[in-house]
Amino acid sequence: MYPLRRSICLVAAGLLLTTLVVGCGGGSLTVKGKLLKNGASLDASTLAFAKTGSQPLTVTFKSEGEGAKTYPAKVNAEDGTYVVELPPGKYQVNVFIPKTPRVPARVVELTKSEDDLNLDTAK
């Protein structure tokens, strides 16, 4: 094989490998948690209203920076747990519970999957 042709093939193979590694590097995280109030599970009446009211209980993760994207969590209104899949990054977390005072947003940095990212609605 000619030296120039061999060099071009090696560069092309290197670029292909780099593209595959970088393209697959981000991945997706699974974040699970529970909604709390002052460290305790949400009371049954709050969850019951959230289940039957006209506005649902929601948890959203909004990415920060240019091209921000919102990821809604799946909320179980029976027990106040949630789960969401999203890429690693920094997120503003918003919780909306109908007929209750506004829950302050919180910022979290997610680098790995979490099984207990509990959100206290009183803080």
PDB file of N, CA and C in Angstrom:
ATOM      1  N   MET A   1       0.850  -1.173   0.000  1.00  0.00           N
ATOM      2  CA  MET A   1       0.000   0.000   0.000  1.00  0.00           C
ATOM      3  C   MET A   1       0.895   1.235   0.000  1.00  0.00           C
ATOM      4  N   TYR A   2       0.468   2.244  -0.697  1.00  0.00           N
ATOM      5  CA  TYR A   2       1.229   3.476  -0.783  1.00  0.00           C
ATOM      6  C   TYR A   2       1.159   4.221   0.546  1.00  0.00           C
ATOM      7  N   PRO A   3       2.243   4.915   0.961  1.00  0.00           N
ATOM      8  CA  PRO A   3       2.264   5.613   2.241  1.00  0.00           C
ATOM      9  C   PRO A   3       1.141   6.648   2.393  1.00  0.00           C
ATOM     10  N   LEU A   4       0.842   7.395   1.330  1.00  0.00           N
ATOM     11  CA  LEU A   4      -0.196   8.424   1.429  1.00  0.00           C
ATOM     12  C   LEU A   4      -1.570   7.790   1.607  1.00  0.00           C
ATOM     13  N   ARG A   5      -1.837   6.736   0.832  1.00  0.00           N
ATOM     14  CA  ARG A   5      -3.119   6.053   0.920  1.00  0.00           C
ATOM     15  C   ARG A   5      -3.282   5.431   2.314  1.00  0.00           C
ATOM     16  N   ARG A   6      -2.203   4.851   2.825  1.00  0.00           N
ATOM     17  CA  ARG A   6      -2.244   4.241   4.156  1.00  0.00           C
ATOM     18  C   ARG A   6      -2.517   5.297   5.219  1.00  0.00           C
ATOM     19  N   SER A   7      -1.887   6.459   5.110  1.00  0.00           N
ATOM     20  CA  SER A   7      -2.107   7.549   6.067  1.00  0.00           C
ATOM     21  C   SER A   7      -3.554   8.033   6.029  1.00  0.00           C
ATOM     22  N   ILE A   8      -4.092   8.162   4.829  1.00  0.00           N
ATOM     23  CA  ILE A   8      -5.488   8.603   4.696  1.00  0.00           C
ATOM     24  C   ILE A   8      -6.434   7.589   5.338  1.00  0.00           C
ATOM     25  N   CYS A   9      -6.181   6.317   5.122  1.00  0.00           N
ATOM     26  CA  CYS A   9      -7.026   5.276   5.727  1.00  0.00           C
ATOM     27  C   CYS A   9      -6.946   5.312   7.251  1.00  0.00           C
ATOM     28  N   LEU A  10      -5.739   5.488   7.776  1.00  0.00           N
ATOM     29  CA  LEU A  10      -5.577   5.558   9.233  1.00  0.00           C
ATOM     30  C   LEU A  10      -6.295   6.780   9.816  1.00  0.00           C
ATOM     31  N   VAL A  11      -6.185   7.924   9.164  1.00  0.00           N
ATOM     32  CA  VAL A  11      -6.869   9.137   9.633  1.00  0.00           C
ATOM     33  C   VAL A  11      -8.376   8.942   9.577  1.00  0.00           C
ATOM     34  N   ALA A  12      -8.870   8.370   8.482  1.00  0.00           N
ATOM     35  CA  ALA A  12     -10.312   8.137   8.341  1.00  0.00           C
ATOM     36  C   ALA A  12     -10.810   7.184   9.426  1.00  0.00           C
ATOM     37  N   ALA A  13     -10.065   6.119   9.697  1.00  0.00           N
ATOM     38  CA  ALA A  13     -10.458   5.173  10.744  1.00  0.00           C
ATOM     39  C   ALA A  13     -10.447   5.847  12.110  1.00  0.00           C
ATOM     40  N   GLY A  14      -9.461   6.686  12.373  1.00  0.00           N
ATOM     41  CA  GLY A  14      -9.388   7.411  13.636  1.00  0.00           C
ATOM     42  C   GLY A  14     -10.559   8.360  13.820  1.00  0.00           C
ATOM     43  N   LEU A  15     -10.924   9.084  12.748  1.00  0.00           N
ATOM     44  CA  LEU A  15     -12.071   9.995  12.820  1.00  0.00           C
ATOM     45  C   LEU A  15     -13.367   9.235  13.057  1.00  0.00           C
ATOM     46  N   LEU A  16     -13.535   8.106  12.408  1.00  0.00           N
ATOM     47  CA  LEU A  16     -14.726   7.296  12.597  1.00  0.00           C
ATOM     48  C   LEU A  16     -14.821   6.800  14.040  1.00  0.00           C
ATOM     49  N   LEU A  17     -13.723   6.311  14.566  1.00  0.00           N
ATOM     50  CA  LEU A  17     -13.700   5.824  15.936  1.00  0.00           C
ATOM     51  C   LEU A  17     -13.995   6.961  16.920  1.00  0.00           C
ATOM     52  N   THR A  18     -13.398   8.121  16.705  1.00  0.00           N
ATOM     53  CA  THR A  18     -13.646   9.280  17.572  1.00  0.00           C
ATOM     54  C   THR A  18     -15.111   9.684  17.529  1.00  0.00           C
ATOM     55  N   THR A  19     -15.705   9.703  16.356  1.00  0.00           N
ATOM     56  CA  THR A  19     -17.120  10.062  16.214  1.00  0.00           C
ATOM     57  C   THR A  19     -18.004   9.093  16.974  1.00  0.00           C
ATOM     58  N   LEU A  20     -17.713   7.808  16.883  1.00  0.00           N
ATOM     59  CA  LEU A  20     -18.515   6.813  17.594  1.00  0.00           C
ATOM     60  C   LEU A  20     -18.393   6.967  19.107  1.00  0.00           C
ATOM     61  N   VAL A  21     -17.185   7.179  19.600  1.00  0.00           N
ATOM     62  CA  VAL A  21     -16.969   7.310  21.042  1.00  0.00           C
ATOM     63  C   VAL A  21     -17.626   8.581  21.579  1.00  0.00           C
ATOM     64  N   VAL A  22     -17.412   9.718  20.921  1.00  0.00           N
ATOM     65  CA  VAL A  22     -17.985  10.983  21.382  1.00  0.00           C
ATOM     66  C   VAL A  22     -19.496  10.963  21.253  1.00  0.00           C
ATOM     67  N   GLY A  23     -20.030  10.421  20.182  1.00  0.00           N
ATOM     68  CA  GLY A  23     -21.467  10.386  19.955  1.00  0.00           C
ATOM     69  C   GLY A  23     -22.199   9.550  20.976  1.00  0.00           C
ATOM     70  N   CYS A  24     -21.571   8.541  21.531  1.00  0.00           N
ATOM     71  CA  CYS A  24     -22.219   7.662  22.488  1.00  0.00           C
ATOM     72  C   CYS A  24     -21.861   7.990  23.923  1.00  0.00           C
ATOM     73  N   GLY A  25     -21.050   9.012  24.135  1.00  0.00           N
ATOM     74  CA  GLY A  25     -20.548   9.297  25.467  1.00  0.00           C
ATOM     75  C   GLY A  25     -21.560   9.830  26.449  1.00  0.00           C
ATOM     76  N   GLY A  26     -22.552  10.639  26.007  1.00  0.00           N
ATOM     77  CA  GLY A  26     -23.490  11.296  26.910  1.00  0.00           C
ATOM     78  C   GLY A  26     -24.404  10.321  27.620  1.00  0.00           C
ATOM     79  N   GLY A  27     -25.107   9.530  26.867  1.00  0.00           N
ATOM     80  CA  GLY A  27     -26.004   8.553  27.434  1.00  0.00           C
ATOM     81  C   GLY A  27     -27.200   9.183  28.112  1.00  0.00           C
ATOM     82  N   SER A  28     -27.915   8.362  28.821  1.00  0.00           N
ATOM     83  CA  SER A  28     -29.124   8.790  29.497  1.00  0.00           C
ATOM     84  C   SER A  28     -29.063   8.339  30.951  1.00  0.00           C
ATOM     85  N   LEU A  29     -29.551   9.185  31.843  1.00  0.00           N
ATOM     86  CA  LEU A  29     -29.601   8.866  33.263  1.00  0.00           C
ATOM     87  C   LEU A  29     -31.034   8.599  33.673  1.00  0.00           C
ATOM     88  N   THR A  30     -31.220   7.743  34.642  1.00  0.00           N
ATOM     89  CA  THR A  30     -32.537   7.544  35.240  1.00  0.00           C
ATOM     90  C   THR A  30     -32.490   8.134  36.639  1.00  0.00           C
ATOM     91  N   VAL A  31     -33.399   9.051  36.903  1.00  0.00           N
ATOM     92  CA  VAL A  31     -33.460   9.708  38.207  1.00  0.00           C
ATOM     93  C   VAL A  31     -34.806   9.362  38.839  1.00  0.00           C
ATOM     94  N   LYS A  32     -34.737   8.855  40.074  1.00  0.00           N
ATOM     95  CA  LYS A  32     -35.944   8.486  40.826  1.00  0.00           C
ATOM     96  C   LYS A  32     -35.919   9.202  42.164  1.00  0.00           C
ATOM     97  N   GLY A  33     -37.082   9.465  42.685  1.00  0.00           N
ATOM     98  CA  GLY A  33     -37.154  10.093  43.996  1.00  0.00           C
ATOM     99  C   GLY A  33     -38.566  10.156  44.512  1.00  0.00           C
ATOM    100  N   LYS A  34     -38.704  10.888  45.597  1.00  0.00           N
ATOM    101  CA  LYS A  34     -39.998  11.016  46.257  1.00  0.00           C
ATOM    102  C   LYS A  34     -40.201  12.475  46.635  1.00  0.00           C
ATOM    103  N   LEU A  35     -41.446  12.916  46.553  1.00  0.00           N
ATOM    104  CA  LEU A  35     -41.794  14.262  46.986  1.00  0.00           C
ATOM    105  C   LEU A  35     -42.069  14.226  48.481  1.00  0.00           C
ATOM    106  N   LEU A  36     -41.433  15.149  49.198  1.00  0.00           N
ATOM    107  CA  LEU A  36     -41.556  15.215  50.654  1.00  0.00           C
ATOM    108  C   LEU A  36     -42.054  16.586  51.079  1.00  0.00           C
ATOM    109  N   LYS A  37     -42.471  16.694  52.331  1.00  0.00           N
ATOM    110  CA  LYS A  37     -42.790  17.983  52.933  1.00  0.00           C
ATOM    111  C   LYS A  37     -42.192  17.959  54.333  1.00  0.00           C
ATOM    112  N   ASN A  38     -41.212  18.831  54.553  1.00  0.00           N
ATOM    113  CA  ASN A  38     -40.476  18.861  55.821  1.00  0.00           C
ATOM    114  C   ASN A  38     -39.879  17.499  56.168  1.00  0.00           C
ATOM    115  N   GLY A  39     -39.362  16.809  55.168  1.00  0.00           N
ATOM    116  CA  GLY A  39     -38.686  15.539  55.385  1.00  0.00           C
ATOM    117  C   GLY A  39     -39.587  14.327  55.456  1.00  0.00           C
ATOM    118  N   ALA A  40     -40.905  14.524  55.451  1.00  0.00           N
ATOM    119  CA  ALA A  40     -41.848  13.403  55.542  1.00  0.00           C
ATOM    120  C   ALA A  40     -42.603  13.265  54.222  1.00  0.00           C
ATOM    121  N   SER A  41     -43.170  12.088  53.990  1.00  0.00           N
ATOM    122  CA  SER A  41     -43.966  11.870  52.783  1.00  0.00           C
ATOM    123  C   SER A  41     -45.102  12.877  52.717  1.00  0.00           C
ATOM    124  N   LEU A  42     -45.499  13.246  51.492  1.00  0.00           N
ATOM    125  CA  LEU A  42     -46.643  14.149  51.341  1.00  0.00           C
ATOM    126  C   LEU A  42     -47.875  13.496  51.956  1.00  0.00           C
ATOM    127  N   ASP A  43     -48.733  14.322  52.566  1.00  0.00           N
ATOM    128  CA  ASP A  43     -49.919  13.756  53.217  1.00  0.00           C
ATOM    129  C   ASP A  43     -50.918  13.237  52.176  1.00  0.00           C
ATOM    130  N   ALA A  44     -51.759  12.326  52.617  1.00  0.00           N
ATOM    131  CA  ALA A  44     -52.693  11.647  51.727  1.00  0.00           C
ATOM    132  C   ALA A  44     -53.660  12.620  51.059  1.00  0.00           C
ATOM    133  N   SER A  45     -54.081  13.680  51.749  1.00  0.00           N
ATOM    134  CA  SER A  45     -55.045  14.609  51.149  1.00  0.00           C
ATOM    135  C   SER A  45     -54.417  15.381  49.988  1.00  0.00           C
ATOM    136  N   THR A  46     -53.152  15.761  50.104  1.00  0.00           N
ATOM    137  CA  THR A  46     -52.466  16.448  49.008  1.00  0.00           C
ATOM    138  C   THR A  46     -52.361  15.528  47.803  1.00  0.00           C
ATOM    139  N   LEU A  47     -51.986  14.287  48.034  1.00  0.00           N
ATOM    140  CA  LEU A  47     -51.849  13.337  46.932  1.00  0.00           C
ATOM    141  C   LEU A  47     -53.211  13.001  46.329  1.00  0.00           C
ATOM    142  N   ALA A  48     -54.247  12.879  47.169  1.00  0.00           N
ATOM    143  CA  ALA A  48     -55.585  12.571  46.664  1.00  0.00           C
ATOM    144  C   ALA A  48     -56.084  13.689  45.765  1.00  0.00           C
ATOM    145  N   PHE A  49     -55.878  14.953  46.173  1.00  0.00           N
ATOM    146  CA  PHE A  49     -56.313  16.060  45.332  1.00  0.00           C
ATOM    147  C   PHE A  49     -55.524  16.098  44.039  1.00  0.00           C
ATOM    148  N   ALA A  50     -54.240  15.845  44.120  1.00  0.00           N
ATOM    149  CA  ALA A  50     -53.397  15.864  42.926  1.00  0.00           C
ATOM    150  C   ALA A  50     -53.839  14.792  41.934  1.00  0.00           C
ATOM    151  N   LYS A  51     -54.404  13.720  42.451  1.00  0.00           N
ATOM    152  CA  LYS A  51     -54.848  12.618  41.601  1.00  0.00           C
ATOM    153  C   LYS A  51     -56.194  12.925  40.936  1.00  0.00           C
ATOM    154  N   THR A  52     -57.054  13.683  41.619  1.00  0.00           N
ATOM    155  CA  THR A  52     -58.408  13.911  41.110  1.00  0.00           C
ATOM    156  C   THR A  52     -58.649  15.328  40.627  1.00  0.00           C
ATOM    157  N   GLY A  53     -57.761  16.260  40.947  1.00  0.00           N
ATOM    158  CA  GLY A  53     -57.953  17.658  40.570  1.00  0.00           C
ATOM    159  C   GLY A  53     -57.811  17.883  39.070  1.00  0.00           C
ATOM    160  N   SER A  54     -58.186  19.081  38.641  1.00  0.00           N
ATOM    161  CA  SER A  54     -58.127  19.404  37.216  1.00  0.00           C
ATOM    162  C   SER A  54     -56.700  19.639  36.745  1.00  0.00           C
ATOM    163  N   GLN A  55     -55.803  19.990  37.665  1.00  0.00           N
ATOM    164  CA  GLN A  55     -54.400  20.180  37.311  1.00  0.00           C
ATOM    165  C   GLN A  55     -53.578  19.091  37.991  1.00  0.00           C
ATOM    166  N   PRO A  56     -52.736  18.406  37.225  1.00  0.00           N
ATOM    167  CA  PRO A  56     -51.964  17.317  37.822  1.00  0.00           C
ATOM    168  C   PRO A  56     -50.757  17.816  38.622  1.00  0.00           C
ATOM    169  N   LEU A  57     -50.319  16.981  39.519  1.00  0.00           N
ATOM    170  CA  LEU A  57     -49.058  17.198  40.224  1.00  0.00           C
ATOM    171  C   LEU A  57     -47.957  16.946  39.198  1.00  0.00           C
ATOM    172  N   THR A  58     -47.019  17.881  39.051  1.00  0.00           N
ATOM    173  CA  THR A  58     -45.974  17.702  38.042  1.00  0.00           C
ATOM    174  C   THR A  58     -44.592  17.958  38.623  1.00  0.00           C
ATOM    175  N   VAL A  59     -43.615  17.275  38.061  1.00  0.00           N
ATOM    176  CA  VAL A  59     -42.198  17.495  38.352  1.00  0.00           C
ATOM    177  C   VAL A  59     -41.511  17.608  37.002  1.00  0.00           C
ATOM    178  N   THR A  60     -40.796  18.723  36.779  1.00  0.00           N
ATOM    179  CA  THR A  60     -40.085  18.901  35.521  1.00  0.00           C
ATOM    180  C   THR A  60     -38.624  19.243  35.781  1.00  0.00           C
ATOM    181  N   PHE A  61     -37.766  18.787  34.889  1.00  0.00           N
ATOM    182  CA  PHE A  61     -36.337  19.075  34.921  1.00  0.00           C
ATOM    183  C   PHE A  61     -36.035  19.878  33.659  1.00  0.00           C
ATOM    184  N   LYS A  62     -35.624  21.147  33.815  1.00  0.00           N
ATOM    185  CA  LYS A  62     -35.309  22.008  32.680  1.00  0.00           C
ATOM    186  C   LYS A  62     -33.801  22.197  32.614  1.00  0.00           C
ATOM    187  N   SER A  63     -33.204  21.788  31.486  1.00  0.00           N
ATOM    188  CA  SER A  63     -31.756  21.913  31.348  1.00  0.00           C
ATOM    189  C   SER A  63     -31.369  23.378  31.278  1.00  0.00           C
ATOM    190  N   GLU A  64     -30.154  23.670  31.719  1.00  0.00           N
ATOM    191  CA  GLU A  64     -29.663  25.043  31.704  1.00  0.00           C
ATOM    192  C   GLU A  64     -28.822  25.263  30.462  1.00  0.00           C
ATOM    193  N   GLY A  65     -28.711  26.517  30.062  1.00  0.00           N
ATOM    194  CA  GLY A  65     -27.861  26.870  28.929  1.00  0.00           C
ATOM    195  C   GLY A  65     -28.635  27.008  27.641  1.00  0.00           C
ATOM    196  N   GLU A  66     -27.877  27.220  26.577  1.00  0.00           N
ATOM    197  CA  GLU A  66     -28.468  27.413  25.259  1.00  0.00           C
ATOM    198  C   GLU A  66     -29.171  26.136  24.805  1.00  0.00           C
ATOM    199  N   GLY A  67     -30.318  26.287  24.204  1.00  0.00           N
ATOM    200  CA  GLY A  67     -31.074  25.121  23.742  1.00  0.00           C
ATOM    201  C   GLY A  67     -31.682  24.338  24.886  1.00  0.00           C
ATOM    202  N   ALA A  68     -32.061  25.041  25.957  1.00  0.00           N
ATOM    203  CA  ALA A  68     -32.633  24.383  27.135  1.00  0.00           C
ATOM    204  C   ALA A  68     -33.824  23.514  26.743  1.00  0.00           C
ATOM    205  N   LYS A  69     -33.925  22.369  27.387  1.00  0.00           N
ATOM    206  CA  LYS A  69     -34.981  21.413  27.105  1.00  0.00           C
ATOM    207  C   LYS A  69     -35.627  20.996  28.426  1.00  0.00           C
ATOM    208  N   THR A  70     -36.936  20.776  28.406  1.00  0.00           N
ATOM    209  CA  THR A  70     -37.655  20.372  29.620  1.00  0.00           C
ATOM    210  C   THR A  70     -37.992  18.887  29.544  1.00  0.00           C
ATOM    211  N   TYR A  71     -37.716  18.189  30.644  1.00  0.00           N
ATOM    212  CA  TYR A  71     -37.988  16.761  30.754  1.00  0.00           C
ATOM    213  C   TYR A  71     -39.022  16.546  31.860  1.00  0.00           C
ATOM    214  N   PRO A  72     -40.262  16.173  31.499  1.00  0.00           N
ATOM    215  CA  PRO A  72     -41.268  15.922  32.527  1.00  0.00           C
ATOM    216  C   PRO A  72     -41.054  14.545  33.165  1.00  0.00           C
ATOM    217  N   ALA A  73     -41.172  14.497  34.478  1.00  0.00           N
ATOM    218  CA  ALA A  73     -41.050  13.223  35.184  1.00  0.00           C
ATOM    219  C   ALA A  73     -42.407  12.528  35.200  1.00  0.00           C
ATOM    220  N   LYS A  74     -42.384  11.215  35.286  1.00  0.00           N
ATOM    221  CA  LYS A  74     -43.614  10.448  35.492  1.00  0.00           C
ATOM    222  C   LYS A  74     -43.835  10.406  36.994  1.00  0.00           C
ATOM    223  N   VAL A  75     -44.954  10.991  37.432  1.00  0.00           N
ATOM    224  CA  VAL A  75     -45.243  11.082  38.866  1.00  0.00           C
ATOM    225  C   VAL A  75     -46.332  10.088  39.228  1.00  0.00           C
ATOM    226  N   ASN A  76     -46.107   9.332  40.294  1.00  0.00           N
ATOM    227  CA  ASN A  76     -47.110   8.423  40.829  1.00  0.00           C
ATOM    228  C   ASN A  76     -47.830   9.167  41.951  1.00  0.00           C
ATOM    229  N   ALA A  77     -49.054   9.610  41.691  1.00  0.00           N
ATOM    230  CA  ALA A  77     -49.802  10.381  42.681  1.00  0.00           C
ATOM    231  C   ALA A  77     -50.300   9.524  43.841  1.00  0.00           C
ATOM    232  N   GLU A  78     -50.133   8.218  43.746  1.00  0.00           N
ATOM    233  CA  GLU A  78     -50.520   7.335  44.860  1.00  0.00           C
ATOM    234  C   GLU A  78     -49.551   7.484  46.038  1.00  0.00           C
ATOM    235  N   ASP A  79     -48.245   7.590  45.718  1.00  0.00           N
ATOM    236  CA  ASP A  79     -47.259   7.624  46.799  1.00  0.00           C
ATOM    237  C   ASP A  79     -46.271   8.789  46.695  1.00  0.00           C
ATOM    238  N   GLY A  80     -46.435   9.652  45.688  1.00  0.00           N
ATOM    239  CA  GLY A  80     -45.567  10.824  45.563  1.00  0.00           C
ATOM    240  C   GLY A  80     -44.183  10.531  45.021  1.00  0.00           C
ATOM    241  N   THR A  81     -43.996   9.391  44.363  1.00  0.00           N
ATOM    242  CA  THR A  81     -42.701   9.073  43.773  1.00  0.00           C
ATOM    243  C   THR A  81     -42.682   9.544  42.316  1.00  0.00           C
ATOM    244  N   TYR A  82     -41.473   9.707  41.775  1.00  0.00           N
ATOM    245  CA  TYR A  82     -41.328  10.117  40.380  1.00  0.00           C
ATOM    246  C   TYR A  82     -40.116   9.438  39.771  1.00  0.00           C
ATOM    247  N   VAL A  83     -40.097   9.433  38.431  1.00  0.00           N
ATOM    248  CA  VAL A  83     -38.955   8.909  37.682  1.00  0.00           C
ATOM    249  C   VAL A  83     -38.851   9.703  36.373  1.00  0.00           C
ATOM    250  N   VAL A  84     -37.618   9.966  35.953  1.00  0.00           N
ATOM    251  CA  VAL A  84     -37.383  10.698  34.709  1.00  0.00           C
ATOM    252  C   VAL A  84     -36.083  10.201  34.086  1.00  0.00           C
ATOM    253  N   GLU A  85     -36.036  10.164  32.761  1.00  0.00           N
ATOM    254  CA  GLU A  85     -34.801   9.842  32.041  1.00  0.00           C
ATOM    255  C   GLU A  85     -34.356  11.085  31.305  1.00  0.00           C
ATOM    256  N   LEU A  86     -33.070  11.414  31.440  1.00  0.00           N
ATOM    257  CA  LEU A  86     -32.517  12.618  30.818  1.00  0.00           C
ATOM    258  C   LEU A  86     -31.010  12.486  30.696  1.00  0.00           C
ATOM    259  N   PRO A  87     -30.399  13.329  29.863  1.00  0.00           N
ATOM    260  CA  PRO A  87     -28.937  13.278  29.737  1.00  0.00           C
ATOM    261  C   PRO A  87     -28.254  13.946  30.928  1.00  0.00           C
ATOM    262  N   PRO A  88     -26.988  13.647  31.181  1.00  0.00           N
ATOM    263  CA  PRO A  88     -26.267  14.305  32.272  1.00  0.00           C
ATOM    264  C   PRO A  88     -26.268  15.816  32.064  1.00  0.00           C
ATOM    265  N   GLY A  89     -26.261  16.568  33.165  1.00  0.00           N
ATOM    266  CA  GLY A  89     -26.203  18.021  33.056  1.00  0.00           C
ATOM    267  C   GLY A  89     -26.750  18.709  34.284  1.00  0.00           C
ATOM    268  N   LYS A  90     -26.893  20.016  34.166  1.00  0.00           N
ATOM    269  CA  LYS A  90     -27.405  20.858  35.239  1.00  0.00           C
ATOM    270  C   LYS A  90     -28.862  21.187  34.921  1.00  0.00           C
ATOM    271  N   TYR A  91     -29.737  21.025  35.919  1.00  0.00           N
ATOM    272  CA  TYR A  91     -31.166  21.187  35.699  1.00  0.00           C
ATOM    273  C   TYR A  91     -31.819  22.045  36.792  1.00  0.00           C
ATOM    274  N   GLN A  92     -32.815  22.811  36.363  1.00  0.00           N
ATOM    275  CA  GLN A  92     -33.692  23.494  37.302  1.00  0.00           C
ATOM    276  C   GLN A  92     -34.887  22.563  37.485  1.00  0.00           C
ATOM    277  N   VAL A  93     -35.150  22.188  38.739  1.00  0.00           N
ATOM    278  CA  VAL A  93     -36.234  21.257  39.032  1.00  0.00           C
ATOM    279  C   VAL A  93     -37.420  22.053  39.564  1.00  0.00           C
ATOM    280  N   ASN A  94     -38.570  21.854  38.932  1.00  0.00           N
ATOM    281  CA  ASN A  94     -39.795  22.533  39.349  1.00  0.00           C
ATOM    282  C   ASN A  94     -40.837  21.508  39.742  1.00  0.00           C
ATOM    283  N   VAL A  95     -41.492  21.760  40.879  1.00  0.00           N
ATOM    284  CA  VAL A  95     -42.565  20.896  41.362  1.00  0.00           C
ATOM    285  C   VAL A  95     -43.825  21.743  41.445  1.00  0.00           C
ATOM    286  N   PHE A  96     -44.896  21.250  40.852  1.00  0.00           N
ATOM    287  CA  PHE A  96     -46.177  21.937  40.944  1.00  0.00           C
ATOM    288  C   PHE A  96     -47.167  21.008  41.622  1.00  0.00           C
ATOM    289  N   ILE A  97     -47.719  21.482  42.738  1.00  0.00           N
ATOM    290  CA  ILE A  97     -48.741  20.734  43.457  1.00  0.00           C
ATOM    291  C   ILE A  97     -49.974  21.631  43.519  1.00  0.00           C
ATOM    292  N   PRO A  98     -51.083  21.203  42.909  1.00  0.00           N
ATOM    293  CA  PRO A  98     -52.281  22.039  42.897  1.00  0.00           C
ATOM    294  C   PRO A  98     -52.750  22.407  44.306  1.00  0.00           C
ATOM    295  N   LYS A  99     -53.277  23.618  44.423  1.00  0.00           N
ATOM    296  CA  LYS A  99     -53.886  24.121  45.670  1.00  0.00           C
ATOM    297  C   LYS A  99     -52.910  24.185  46.839  1.00  0.00           C
ATOM    298  N   THR A 100     -51.629  24.348  46.552  1.00  0.00           N
ATOM    299  CA  THR A 100     -50.634  24.525  47.613  1.00  0.00           C
ATOM    300  C   THR A 100     -49.756  25.717  47.238  1.00  0.00           C
ATOM    301  N   PRO A 101     -49.053  26.292  48.213  1.00  0.00           N
ATOM    302  CA  PRO A 101     -48.144  27.397  47.876  1.00  0.00           C
ATOM    303  C   PRO A 101     -47.091  26.941  46.865  1.00  0.00           C
ATOM    304  N   ARG A 102     -46.600  27.909  46.099  1.00  0.00           N
ATOM    305  CA  ARG A 102     -45.585  27.623  45.080  1.00  0.00           C
ATOM    306  C   ARG A 102     -44.348  26.987  45.717  1.00  0.00           C
ATOM    307  N   VAL A 103     -43.861  25.936  45.103  1.00  0.00           N
ATOM    308  CA  VAL A 103     -42.655  25.252  45.571  1.00  0.00           C
ATOM    309  C   VAL A 103     -41.457  25.917  44.896  1.00  0.00           C
ATOM    310  N   PRO A 104     -40.471  26.398  45.675  1.00  0.00           N
ATOM    311  CA  PRO A 104     -39.299  27.035  45.049  1.00  0.00           C
ATOM    312  C   PRO A 104     -38.535  26.050  44.160  1.00  0.00           C
ATOM    313  N   ALA A 105     -38.067  26.555  43.021  1.00  0.00           N
ATOM    314  CA  ALA A 105     -37.275  25.722  42.114  1.00  0.00           C
ATOM    315  C   ALA A 105     -35.925  25.429  42.765  1.00  0.00           C
ATOM    316  N   ARG A 106     -35.338  24.360  42.355  1.00  0.00           N
ATOM    317  CA  ARG A 106     -34.022  23.984  42.877  1.00  0.00           C
ATOM    318  C   ARG A 106     -33.153  23.558  41.703  1.00  0.00           C
ATOM    319  N   VAL A 107     -31.857  23.797  41.811  1.00  0.00           N
ATOM    320  CA  VAL A 107     -30.923  23.433  40.738  1.00  0.00           C
ATOM    321  C   VAL A 107     -30.108  22.227  41.192  1.00  0.00           C
ATOM    322  N   VAL A 108     -30.015  21.237  40.299  1.00  0.00           N
ATOM    323  CA  VAL A 108     -29.231  20.034  40.590  1.00  0.00           C
ATOM    324  C   VAL A 108     -28.299  19.757  39.419  1.00  0.00           C
ATOM    325  N   GLU A 109     -27.145  19.205  39.727  1.00  0.00           N
ATOM    326  CA  GLU A 109     -26.187  18.763  38.701  1.00  0.00           C
ATOM    327  C   GLU A 109     -26.216  17.243  38.720  1.00  0.00           C
ATOM    328  N   LEU A 110     -26.564  16.637  37.592  1.00  0.00           N
ATOM    329  CA  LEU A 110     -26.692  15.189  37.505  1.00  0.00           C
ATOM    330  C   LEU A 110     -25.591  14.629  36.618  1.00  0.00           C
ATOM    331  N   THR A 111     -24.780  13.740  37.190  1.00  0.00           N
ATOM    332  CA  THR A 111     -23.697  13.114  36.431  1.00  0.00           C
ATOM    333  C   THR A 111     -23.861  11.600  36.353  1.00  0.00           C
ATOM    334  N   LYS A 112     -24.757  11.057  37.188  1.00  0.00           N
ATOM    335  CA  LYS A 112     -25.015   9.616  37.194  1.00  0.00           C
ATOM    336  C   LYS A 112     -26.467   9.386  37.593  1.00  0.00           C
ATOM    337  N   SER A 113     -26.952   8.182  37.355  1.00  0.00           N
ATOM    338  CA  SER A 113     -28.322   7.849  37.739  1.00  0.00           C
ATOM    339  C   SER A 113     -28.485   7.966  39.245  1.00  0.00           C
ATOM    340  N   GLU A 114     -29.671   8.372  39.668  1.00  0.00           N
ATOM    341  CA  GLU A 114     -29.970   8.556  41.091  1.00  0.00           C
ATOM    342  C   GLU A 114     -31.219   7.773  41.434  1.00  0.00           C
ATOM    343  N   ASP A 115     -31.202   7.067  42.572  1.00  0.00           N
ATOM    344  CA  ASP A 115     -32.375   6.320  43.015  1.00  0.00           C
ATOM    345  C   ASP A 115     -33.109   7.013  44.153  1.00  0.00           C
ATOM    346  N   ASP A 116     -32.540   8.074  44.700  1.00  0.00           N
ATOM    347  CA  ASP A 116     -33.191   8.723  45.844  1.00  0.00           C
ATOM    348  C   ASP A 116     -32.991  10.241  45.855  1.00  0.00           C
ATOM    349  N   LEU A 117     -33.287  10.870  44.721  1.00  0.00           N
ATOM    350  CA  LEU A 117     -33.231  12.320  44.656  1.00  0.00           C
ATOM    351  C   LEU A 117     -34.576  12.844  45.154  1.00  0.00           C
ATOM    352  N   ASN A 118     -34.720  12.858  46.484  1.00  0.00           N
ATOM    353  CA  ASN A 118     -35.977  13.287  47.091  1.00  0.00           C
ATOM    354  C   ASN A 118     -36.069  14.808  47.049  1.00  0.00           C
ATOM    355  N   LEU A 119     -37.271  15.314  46.756  1.00  0.00           N
ATOM    356  CA  LEU A 119     -37.510  16.745  46.631  1.00  0.00           C
ATOM    357  C   LEU A 119     -38.437  17.188  47.747  1.00  0.00           C
ATOM    358  N   ASP A 120     -37.913  18.032  48.640  1.00  0.00           N
ATOM    359  CA  ASP A 120     -38.713  18.536  49.751  1.00  0.00           C
ATOM    360  C   ASP A 120     -39.457  19.777  49.286  1.00  0.00           C
ATOM    361  N   THR A 121     -40.769  19.709  49.266  1.00  0.00           N
ATOM    362  CA  THR A 121     -41.597  20.794  48.751  1.00  0.00           C
ATOM    363  C   THR A 121     -41.711  21.967  49.721  1.00  0.00           C
ATOM    364  N   ALA A 122     -41.197  21.809  50.928  1.00  0.00           N
ATOM    365  CA  ALA A 122     -41.274  22.885  51.924  1.00  0.00           C
ATOM    366  C   ALA A 122     -39.988  23.701  51.967  1.00  0.00           C
ATOM    367  N   LYS A 123     -39.001  23.348  51.192  1.00  0.00           N
ATOM    368  CA  LYS A 123     -37.710  24.031  51.248  1.00  0.00           C
ATOM    369  C   LYS A 123     -37.384  24.702  49.945  1.00  0.00           C
TER     370      LYS A 123
END
